Protein backbone atom coordinates (compact mmCIF):
# COMPACT_ATOMS: atom_id res chain seq x y z
CA MET A 1 90.37 227.35 162.77
CA GLY A 2 88.32 227.94 165.84
CA ALA A 3 88.40 228.62 169.55
CA HIS A 4 87.86 225.18 171.09
CA PRO A 5 90.04 224.78 174.22
CA LYS A 6 91.79 221.73 172.69
CA GLY A 7 92.78 223.61 169.55
CA ASP A 8 92.48 227.35 170.02
CA ALA A 9 93.72 229.06 166.84
CA LEU A 10 96.94 231.02 167.33
CA ILE A 11 97.27 234.71 166.45
CA LYS A 12 100.58 235.34 164.70
CA ASP A 13 100.36 239.13 164.61
CA ASN A 14 102.77 240.39 167.29
CA ARG A 15 100.97 243.74 167.42
CA ILE A 16 98.00 242.00 169.08
CA SER A 17 98.39 241.20 172.77
CA GLN A 18 96.06 238.20 172.73
CA ARG A 19 97.85 235.03 171.60
CA THR A 20 94.79 232.94 170.63
CA LEU A 21 91.48 233.51 168.90
CA GLY A 22 89.61 232.44 172.03
CA GLN A 23 91.40 235.06 174.12
CA TRP A 24 90.69 237.74 171.55
CA ILE A 25 86.98 236.89 171.40
CA ALA A 26 86.80 236.87 175.20
CA ASP A 27 88.24 240.41 175.26
CA PHE A 28 86.13 241.63 172.32
CA PRO A 29 82.89 239.59 172.38
CA GLY A 30 81.14 242.22 170.26
CA CYS A 31 83.06 240.87 167.26
CA LEU A 32 80.60 237.96 167.16
CA GLY A 33 77.60 240.19 166.60
CA SER A 34 74.85 240.51 169.17
CA LYS A 35 72.81 237.48 168.01
CA VAL A 36 75.73 235.08 167.98
CA LYS A 37 77.08 236.47 171.26
CA ASP A 38 73.73 236.07 173.04
CA THR A 39 72.77 232.72 171.53
CA PHE A 40 76.14 231.04 172.12
CA HIS A 41 77.10 232.83 175.35
CA GLY A 42 80.00 234.74 173.88
CA GLN A 43 81.60 231.69 172.24
CA LEU A 44 82.51 231.14 168.60
CA PRO A 45 79.97 228.42 167.70
CA PHE A 46 81.88 226.58 164.98
CA LEU A 47 85.17 225.03 163.90
CA PHE A 48 86.46 225.29 160.35
CA LYS A 49 88.96 222.87 158.77
CA VAL A 50 90.53 222.02 155.45
CA LEU A 51 91.23 218.28 155.33
CA SER A 52 93.39 216.30 152.92
CA VAL A 53 92.55 212.64 153.50
CA ASN A 54 95.05 210.07 152.27
CA THR A 55 94.38 207.33 154.84
CA ALA A 56 90.82 206.56 155.94
CA LEU A 57 89.58 208.33 159.06
CA SER A 58 87.69 206.36 161.68
CA ILE A 59 84.22 204.82 161.59
CA GLN A 60 82.47 207.27 163.87
CA ALA A 61 79.39 209.24 164.84
CA HIS A 62 78.76 212.36 166.89
CA PRO A 63 76.33 212.51 169.82
CA ASN A 64 73.38 214.85 170.19
CA ARG A 65 73.45 217.43 172.99
CA GLU A 66 71.88 215.17 175.61
CA LEU A 67 74.22 212.25 174.97
CA ALA A 68 77.22 214.58 174.71
CA ALA A 69 76.49 215.99 178.16
CA ARG A 70 76.14 212.51 179.64
CA LEU A 71 79.32 211.18 178.03
CA HIS A 72 81.28 214.24 179.11
CA ALA A 73 80.09 213.85 182.70
CA GLN A 74 80.97 210.14 182.80
CA PHE A 75 84.14 210.03 180.67
CA PRO A 76 85.64 213.53 180.35
CA GLU A 77 89.00 212.07 179.33
CA HIS A 78 87.41 210.70 176.13
CA TYR A 79 84.61 213.23 175.57
CA PRO A 80 86.13 216.63 176.39
CA ASP A 81 83.06 218.86 176.20
CA ASN A 82 79.28 218.71 176.51
CA ASN A 83 78.35 220.04 173.07
CA HIS A 84 76.93 218.29 170.03
CA LYS A 85 79.00 218.12 166.84
CA PRO A 86 76.97 218.25 163.63
CA GLU A 87 79.34 218.74 160.72
CA MET A 88 79.43 219.31 156.98
CA ALA A 89 82.07 218.24 154.46
CA ILE A 90 82.26 220.12 151.15
CA ALA A 91 84.45 218.53 148.49
CA LEU A 92 87.37 220.51 147.04
CA THR A 93 88.51 217.54 144.97
CA GLN A 94 86.73 214.26 144.31
CA PHE A 95 86.01 213.17 147.87
CA GLU A 96 85.15 209.66 149.04
CA GLY A 97 83.47 208.67 152.27
CA LEU A 98 81.06 206.35 154.04
CA CYS A 99 77.77 207.83 155.20
CA GLY A 100 74.64 206.27 156.68
CA PHE A 101 73.26 202.78 156.29
CA ARG A 102 72.80 201.39 152.80
CA PRO A 103 69.38 200.53 151.39
CA MET A 104 68.17 197.15 152.59
CA HIS A 105 68.57 195.37 149.25
CA GLU A 106 72.26 196.27 149.15
CA ILE A 107 72.97 195.00 152.67
CA LEU A 108 71.01 191.81 152.01
CA GLY A 109 72.96 191.37 148.78
CA PHE A 110 76.26 191.52 150.63
CA LEU A 111 74.98 189.07 153.25
CA LYS A 112 74.27 186.70 150.37
CA ASN A 113 77.43 187.26 148.31
CA VAL A 114 80.02 187.71 151.08
CA PRO A 115 79.94 184.62 153.34
CA GLU A 116 82.71 186.01 155.53
CA PHE A 117 80.50 189.02 156.31
CA ARG A 118 77.51 186.81 157.03
CA ALA A 119 79.62 184.70 159.41
CA LEU A 120 80.15 187.77 161.62
CA VAL A 121 76.49 188.84 161.58
CA GLY A 122 75.19 185.32 162.11
CA ASN A 123 72.43 183.47 160.27
CA GLU A 124 69.77 184.26 162.86
CA ALA A 125 70.28 188.04 162.71
CA ALA A 126 70.64 187.98 158.91
CA GLU A 127 67.34 186.10 158.53
CA GLU A 128 65.60 188.52 160.89
CA LEU A 129 66.82 191.42 158.75
CA GLN A 130 65.51 189.79 155.60
CA SER A 131 62.12 189.10 157.24
CA ALA A 132 61.89 192.72 158.46
CA ASP A 133 62.41 194.22 155.00
CA GLY A 134 59.48 196.50 154.21
CA ASP A 135 58.62 197.41 157.81
CA PRO A 136 60.63 200.53 158.86
CA GLY A 137 60.33 199.89 162.59
CA TRP A 138 61.35 196.24 162.46
CA THR A 139 64.02 197.03 159.88
CA SER A 140 65.74 199.50 162.22
CA LEU A 141 65.69 196.99 165.09
CA ALA A 142 66.95 194.13 162.92
CA LEU A 143 69.64 196.33 161.38
CA LYS A 144 70.80 197.40 164.83
CA LYS A 145 71.01 193.75 165.87
CA CYS A 146 73.05 192.82 162.79
CA PHE A 147 75.47 195.72 163.12
CA THR A 148 75.90 195.21 166.87
CA ARG A 149 76.53 191.49 166.40
CA MET A 150 79.26 192.22 163.88
CA MET A 151 80.94 194.98 165.89
CA ASN A 152 80.98 192.84 169.07
CA CYS A 153 82.06 189.50 167.62
CA GLU A 154 85.17 187.82 169.03
CA LYS A 155 88.44 189.16 167.67
CA LYS A 156 89.72 185.78 166.50
CA LEU A 157 86.53 185.24 164.52
CA PHE A 158 86.60 188.54 162.66
CA VAL A 159 90.37 188.41 162.05
CA ASP A 160 90.08 184.90 160.61
CA GLN A 161 87.11 185.87 158.44
CA LEU A 162 88.81 189.08 157.30
CA ASN A 163 91.95 187.17 156.31
CA MET A 164 89.83 184.67 154.39
CA LEU A 165 87.98 187.47 152.62
CA VAL A 166 91.17 189.34 151.70
CA LYS A 167 92.71 186.10 150.36
CA ARG A 168 89.63 185.27 148.30
CA ILE A 169 89.28 188.75 146.79
CA SER A 170 93.01 188.97 146.05
CA GLU A 171 92.88 185.66 144.22
CA GLU A 172 89.78 186.69 142.27
CA GLU A 173 91.39 189.99 141.24
CA ALA A 174 94.56 188.17 140.17
CA ALA A 175 92.39 185.92 138.00
CA GLY A 176 90.74 188.95 136.40
CA LYS A 177 87.36 188.34 138.01
CA ASP A 178 84.88 191.07 138.93
CA THR A 179 84.98 191.63 142.71
CA SER A 180 82.43 194.44 142.87
CA GLY A 181 79.89 192.04 144.39
CA SER A 182 82.19 191.88 147.42
CA ASN A 183 83.18 195.56 147.28
CA GLY A 184 86.63 194.15 146.64
CA GLU A 185 88.69 197.22 145.74
CA LEU A 186 87.61 199.18 148.82
CA LEU A 187 87.98 196.17 151.13
CA LEU A 188 91.59 195.57 150.04
CA ARG A 189 92.40 199.27 150.33
CA LEU A 190 91.07 199.58 153.88
CA HIS A 191 92.73 196.33 154.93
CA SER A 192 96.08 197.63 153.64
CA GLN A 193 95.65 200.71 155.84
CA TYR A 194 94.14 198.99 158.91
CA PRO A 195 94.96 195.26 158.74
CA GLY A 196 92.87 193.13 161.07
CA ASP A 197 90.41 195.96 161.87
CA ILE A 198 86.70 195.19 162.27
CA GLY A 199 85.96 198.51 160.55
CA CYS A 200 86.89 196.93 157.22
CA PHE A 201 83.55 195.09 157.30
CA SER A 202 81.58 198.33 157.79
CA ILE A 203 81.64 198.89 154.01
CA TYR A 204 78.91 196.26 153.71
CA PHE A 205 76.60 198.24 155.97
CA LEU A 206 77.41 201.86 155.08
CA ASN A 207 76.94 203.80 151.85
CA ARG A 208 80.06 204.59 149.86
CA ILE A 209 79.61 208.15 148.64
CA VAL A 210 81.80 209.97 146.10
CA LEU A 211 81.38 213.75 146.06
CA GLN A 212 82.47 215.93 143.19
CA PRO A 213 83.99 219.38 143.89
CA GLY A 214 81.30 221.63 145.36
CA GLN A 215 79.08 218.75 146.53
CA ALA A 216 78.54 218.27 150.25
CA MET A 217 77.33 215.84 152.87
CA PHE A 218 75.84 216.88 156.19
CA LEU A 219 76.44 214.61 159.17
CA GLY A 220 73.88 215.16 161.88
CA ALA A 221 73.80 213.52 165.30
CA ASN A 222 74.12 209.72 165.35
CA GLU A 223 74.95 209.42 161.64
CA PRO A 224 77.64 206.76 161.05
CA HIS A 225 80.37 207.94 158.70
CA ALA A 226 84.02 207.86 157.75
CA TYR A 227 86.20 209.91 155.40
CA LEU A 228 88.18 207.73 152.98
CA SER A 229 90.07 209.96 150.54
CA GLY A 230 90.24 213.41 148.97
CA ASP A 231 90.29 217.06 150.02
CA CYS A 232 87.41 218.89 151.64
CA VAL A 233 86.37 221.92 153.63
CA GLU A 234 84.77 220.84 156.89
CA CYS A 235 82.65 223.01 159.15
CA MET A 236 81.15 221.82 162.42
CA ALA A 237 79.80 222.89 165.78
CA CYS A 238 82.48 223.76 168.32
CA SER A 239 83.02 220.33 169.85
CA ASP A 240 85.54 217.49 169.97
CA ASN A 241 83.05 214.74 170.82
CA THR A 242 83.53 211.74 168.55
CA VAL A 243 82.40 208.16 169.22
CA ARG A 244 84.66 205.78 167.28
CA ALA A 245 84.49 202.05 166.66
CA GLY A 246 86.92 201.12 163.90
CA LEU A 247 89.63 202.13 161.39
CA THR A 248 91.51 204.03 164.08
CA PRO A 249 94.26 203.65 166.67
CA LYS A 250 92.32 206.06 168.93
CA TYR A 251 89.95 205.22 171.75
CA ILE A 252 86.96 203.17 170.57
CA ASP A 253 83.58 202.90 172.28
CA VAL A 254 81.70 200.16 170.43
CA ASP A 255 78.81 199.86 172.88
CA THR A 256 78.02 203.59 172.80
CA LEU A 257 78.28 203.74 169.02
CA CYS A 258 76.01 200.76 168.44
CA GLU A 259 73.42 202.10 170.87
CA MET A 260 73.33 205.66 169.52
CA LEU A 261 73.27 205.21 165.74
CA ASN A 262 70.46 206.13 163.38
CA TYR A 263 69.51 202.79 161.81
CA SER A 264 67.51 204.16 158.90
CA PRO A 265 68.55 202.77 155.51
CA ALA A 266 68.77 205.34 152.70
CA PRO A 267 70.38 205.58 149.26
CA VAL A 268 73.52 207.58 148.47
CA SER A 269 71.44 210.25 146.75
CA ALA A 270 69.74 211.07 150.07
CA LYS A 271 73.12 211.77 151.67
CA ILE A 272 74.22 214.53 149.27
CA PHE A 273 73.37 217.85 150.88
CA PRO A 274 72.10 220.45 148.40
CA CYS A 275 73.50 223.93 148.08
CA VAL A 276 71.19 226.75 147.05
CA ARG A 277 72.10 229.66 144.80
CA ASP A 278 71.37 233.05 146.33
CA ASN A 279 68.54 234.65 144.35
CA ALA A 280 70.12 238.07 144.84
CA ASP A 281 73.60 237.10 143.67
CA PRO A 282 74.41 234.38 141.11
CA CYS A 283 77.99 234.09 142.44
CA VAL A 284 76.83 232.98 145.90
CA TYR A 285 75.86 229.44 146.97
CA LEU A 286 74.64 228.59 150.48
CA TYR A 287 75.01 225.31 152.35
CA ASP A 288 72.53 225.86 155.17
CA PRO A 289 72.16 222.80 157.47
CA PRO A 290 69.31 222.34 159.97
CA VAL A 291 71.42 223.52 162.94
CA PRO A 292 71.98 227.05 164.28
CA ASP A 293 75.75 226.70 164.75
CA PHE A 294 76.95 227.41 161.22
CA THR A 295 76.15 227.94 157.55
CA VAL A 296 78.73 227.73 154.78
CA MET A 297 78.78 230.15 151.87
CA ARG A 298 80.63 229.54 148.60
CA ILE A 299 81.38 232.56 146.43
CA GLN A 300 82.66 231.87 142.94
CA VAL A 301 83.29 234.81 140.67
CA ARG A 302 83.60 233.90 137.02
CA GLN A 303 85.79 235.59 134.45
CA THR A 304 82.74 237.20 132.89
CA ASP A 305 81.96 238.98 136.16
CA PHE A 306 85.10 241.13 135.92
CA SER A 307 87.22 242.58 133.16
CA SER A 308 89.66 239.92 131.96
CA ASN A 309 92.73 242.00 132.80
CA ILE A 310 91.93 241.98 136.54
CA TYR A 311 91.54 238.35 137.51
CA ARG A 312 90.27 235.10 136.07
CA LYS A 313 88.63 233.24 138.90
CA PHE A 314 88.62 232.94 142.65
CA THR A 315 86.60 230.94 145.10
CA CYS A 316 85.69 231.90 148.64
CA ILE A 317 84.42 229.67 151.39
CA SER A 318 82.77 231.51 154.23
CA ILE A 319 80.61 231.12 157.26
CA PRO A 320 77.93 233.81 157.09
CA ALA A 321 76.71 235.94 159.96
CA ALA A 322 73.29 237.22 160.87
CA GLN A 323 74.21 240.36 158.96
CA LEU A 324 74.06 238.55 155.60
CA LYS A 325 71.18 239.79 153.50
CA GLY A 326 68.15 237.53 153.62
CA ILE A 327 69.51 235.44 156.49
CA VAL A 328 68.32 236.26 159.99
CA GLN A 329 70.14 233.61 162.00
CA PRO A 330 72.76 233.69 164.75
CA LYS A 331 75.62 232.67 162.50
CA MET A 332 79.16 234.00 162.38
CA LYS A 333 80.94 234.95 159.19
CA ILE A 334 84.59 234.37 158.43
CA LEU A 335 86.04 234.41 154.94
CA SER A 336 88.89 232.40 153.46
CA LEU A 337 90.22 233.06 149.96
CA ILE A 338 91.46 230.33 147.63
CA THR A 339 92.92 231.73 144.42
CA GLN A 340 93.19 230.11 140.99
CA PRO A 341 95.66 230.60 139.42
CA HIS A 342 98.07 231.81 142.08
CA VAL A 343 97.70 235.52 141.38
CA VAL A 344 96.52 237.94 144.01
CA PRO A 345 93.78 240.18 142.59
CA ASN A 346 93.90 243.93 142.92
CA LEU A 347 91.23 244.22 145.58
CA GLN A 348 90.83 247.97 145.10
CA ASP A 349 90.00 247.44 141.43
CA LEU A 350 87.67 244.60 142.31
CA ARG A 351 85.90 246.65 144.94
CA SER A 352 85.33 249.53 142.57
CA SER A 353 84.01 247.21 139.88
CA SER A 354 81.84 245.05 142.12
CA GLU A 355 81.39 246.67 145.50
CA HIS A 356 78.41 244.56 146.52
CA LYS A 357 80.28 241.27 146.02
CA LEU A 358 83.34 242.26 148.03
CA ARG A 359 82.04 244.15 151.01
CA TYR A 360 82.81 241.17 153.30
CA PHE A 361 86.58 241.14 152.68
């Protein structure tokens, strides 16, 4: 849901002359609120999606504003706008992804335990990475060298090594051996989805993160990531700029990806983005990233908040506007209702019983 030119949301109401959300906003820019309208030049600043991921989505990163403008100017067929694309994924079910570079000891462990992986990185680069451990500056440079070497190795080499790795892990699993030291289960799963893809080896560099419902990860500029499985709500700046390098049939740009990435190792715990309960309303949780384009609000009303004969539970995901109490930011608000169980509440009764919680419907 959004107004990006490549996917302008359609308006199904025949009583409205405008056929898309972008056309409607252009005719009624005041709907954005004055702060959003002025800050984002009359454009809706975000896109909102609900994703159900069954097959892994590409190894990718999103450029900052400066790089986005340069890529769009040079390759508009691949980078269709000049905006950045920070994004946030909030789990609706258990949600699995890759996010950011692993801590050094984990990467070094895989270089030791997975010879097929080390063959792609090369002994020289692997030894440099081990020597740099403990120095953040040298670590970033050595990590960039290792990742770039792997992503740019000859196709025959990585296909041969990948086939050897898949054969070894399959045999070990058949023999009942523990393959966690080679990240075996995930490697076989990705190879079954994208056989012969260099992205299968990215699991040895990138954190595997598993979010529980309500948990989130924020993906700022230059953060390597991939979505692997599960359902999530995704909110992002209004852009379609994605630099891909694996696990995809789409256009890949390995050189740009390797050059742009943030090579700062960090644990999984650092990649889980915290939500904050609103002090004024215990039913409201805010996911407020360090960008002006969007904030996500989760409203969960428990059974105890209403009389039991009205409704048991419902959850709302919203993008709050500057009008929200306590938030003075140029951010738009749109509300989507997900009901559990599938019973539509009597909104008039709910309004009368809890006016302050429902004034945004």
